[in-house]
C-alpha atoms as a PDB file:
ATOM      1  CA  MET A   1      10.036  -3.757 -17.653  1.00  0.00           C
ATOM      2  CA  SER A   2      10.933  -4.040 -21.309  1.00  0.00           C
ATOM      3  CA  LYS A   3       8.048  -4.256 -23.745  1.00  0.00           C
ATOM      4  CA  ASP A   4       9.905  -7.213 -25.382  1.00  0.00           C
ATOM      5  CA  ILE A   5       9.319  -9.411 -22.325  1.00  0.00           C
ATOM      6  CA  GLN A   6       6.112 -11.413 -22.305  1.00  0.00           C
ATOM      7  CA  VAL A   7       5.169 -12.834 -18.922  1.00  0.00           C
ATOM      8  CA  THR A   8       2.710 -15.675 -19.473  1.00  0.00           C
ATOM      9  CA  GLY A   9       0.750 -17.601 -16.892  1.00  0.00           C
ATOM     10  CA  GLN A  10       0.796 -14.689 -14.449  1.00  0.00           C
ATOM     11  CA  THR A  11      -2.152 -13.007 -12.846  1.00  0.00           C
ATOM     12  CA  SER A  12      -2.798  -9.377 -13.576  1.00  0.00           C
ATOM     13  CA  GLY A  13      -0.592  -6.946 -11.713  1.00  0.00           C
ATOM     14  CA  GLU A  14       2.275  -4.571 -12.087  1.00  0.00           C
ATOM     15  CA  TRP A  15       6.001  -5.292 -12.433  1.00  0.00           C
ATOM     16  CA  VAL A  16       8.285  -2.688 -10.864  1.00  0.00           C
ATOM     17  CA  SER A  17      11.848  -2.411 -12.141  1.00  0.00           C
ATOM     18  CA  LEU A  18      14.415  -2.409  -9.353  1.00  0.00           C
ATOM     19  CA  GLY A  19      17.306  -1.546 -11.673  1.00  0.00           C
ATOM     20  CA  GLN A  20      19.997  -3.366 -13.598  1.00  0.00           C
ATOM     21  CA  TYR A  21      22.710  -5.375 -11.905  1.00  0.00           C
ATOM     22  CA  GLN A  22      25.713  -7.290 -13.184  1.00  0.00           C
ATOM     23  CA  LEU A  23      25.745 -10.793 -11.724  1.00  0.00           C
ATOM     24  CA  PRO A  24      29.084 -12.641 -11.510  1.00  0.00           C
ATOM     25  CA  ALA A  25      29.378 -15.539 -13.973  1.00  0.00           C
ATOM     26  CA  GLY A  26      29.689 -18.926 -12.333  1.00  0.00           C
ATOM     27  CA  ARG A  27      28.661 -17.681  -8.882  1.00  0.00           C
ATOM     28  CA  LYS A  28      25.358 -17.990  -7.047  1.00  0.00           C
ATOM     29  CA  ALA A  29      23.183 -14.892  -6.830  1.00  0.00           C
ATOM     30  CA  TYR A  30      20.089 -14.214  -4.747  1.00  0.00           C
ATOM     31  CA  VAL A  31      17.464 -11.554  -4.111  1.00  0.00           C
ATOM     32  CA  GLU A  32      16.741 -10.555  -0.515  1.00  0.00           C
ATOM     33  CA  VAL A  33      13.466  -8.827   0.326  1.00  0.00           C
ATOM     34  CA  THR A  34      13.636  -6.928   3.618  1.00  0.00           C
ATOM     35  CA  ASN A  35      11.757  -4.199   5.417  1.00  0.00           C
ATOM     36  CA  ALA A  36      14.979  -2.609   6.764  1.00  0.00           C
ATOM     37  CA  GLY A  37      14.501   1.153   6.594  1.00  0.00           C
ATOM     38  CA  ALA A  38      10.764   0.828   5.959  1.00  0.00           C
ATOM     39  CA  ASN A  39       8.076   2.054   8.309  1.00  0.00           C
ATOM     40  CA  GLY A  40       5.974  -1.107   8.314  1.00  0.00           C
ATOM     41  CA  ALA A  41       5.481  -4.282   6.361  1.00  0.00           C
ATOM     42  CA  ILE A  42       6.442  -4.834   2.741  1.00  0.00           C
ATOM     43  CA  ALA A  43       5.411  -7.557   0.299  1.00  0.00           C
ATOM     44  CA  ALA A  44       6.739  -9.129  -2.876  1.00  0.00           C
ATOM     45  CA  ASP A  45       5.089 -12.068  -4.569  1.00  0.00           C
ATOM     46  CA  ALA A  46       7.526 -12.590  -7.440  1.00  0.00           C
ATOM     47  CA  VAL A  47      10.928 -11.647  -8.807  1.00  0.00           C
ATOM     48  CA  LEU A  48      11.678 -11.742 -12.531  1.00  0.00           C
ATOM     49  CA  LEU A  49      15.318 -11.734 -13.664  1.00  0.00           C
ATOM     50  CA  VAL A  50      15.747 -10.722 -17.308  1.00  0.00           C
ATOM     51  CA  PRO A  51      19.082 -10.715 -19.191  1.00  0.00           C
ATOM     52  CA  ALA A  52      19.905  -7.162 -20.305  1.00  0.00           C
ATOM     53  CA  THR A  53      21.706  -8.481 -23.388  1.00  0.00           C
ATOM     54  CA  PRO A  54      21.506 -11.848 -25.131  1.00  0.00           C
ATOM     55  CA  VAL A  55      23.676 -14.524 -23.529  1.00  0.00           C
ATOM     56  CA  ASN A  56      26.156 -16.214 -25.898  1.00  0.00           C
ATOM     57  CA  LYS A  57      25.636 -19.957 -25.673  1.00  0.00           C
ATOM     58  CA  LYS A  58      28.762 -22.015 -26.274  1.00  0.00           C
END
């Protein structure tokens, strides 16, 4: 995760980057957590979406 991002109010832990994705403007987006392809259980307790570039507000 970028050093510019400050996550406040969170417990200690580690954020793992899952890559950068372009989300379509004006459409709903979601994150699906699945154990497909895994050999056992997986867990995620949070997802943080961070704009890669500043968004122009009109």
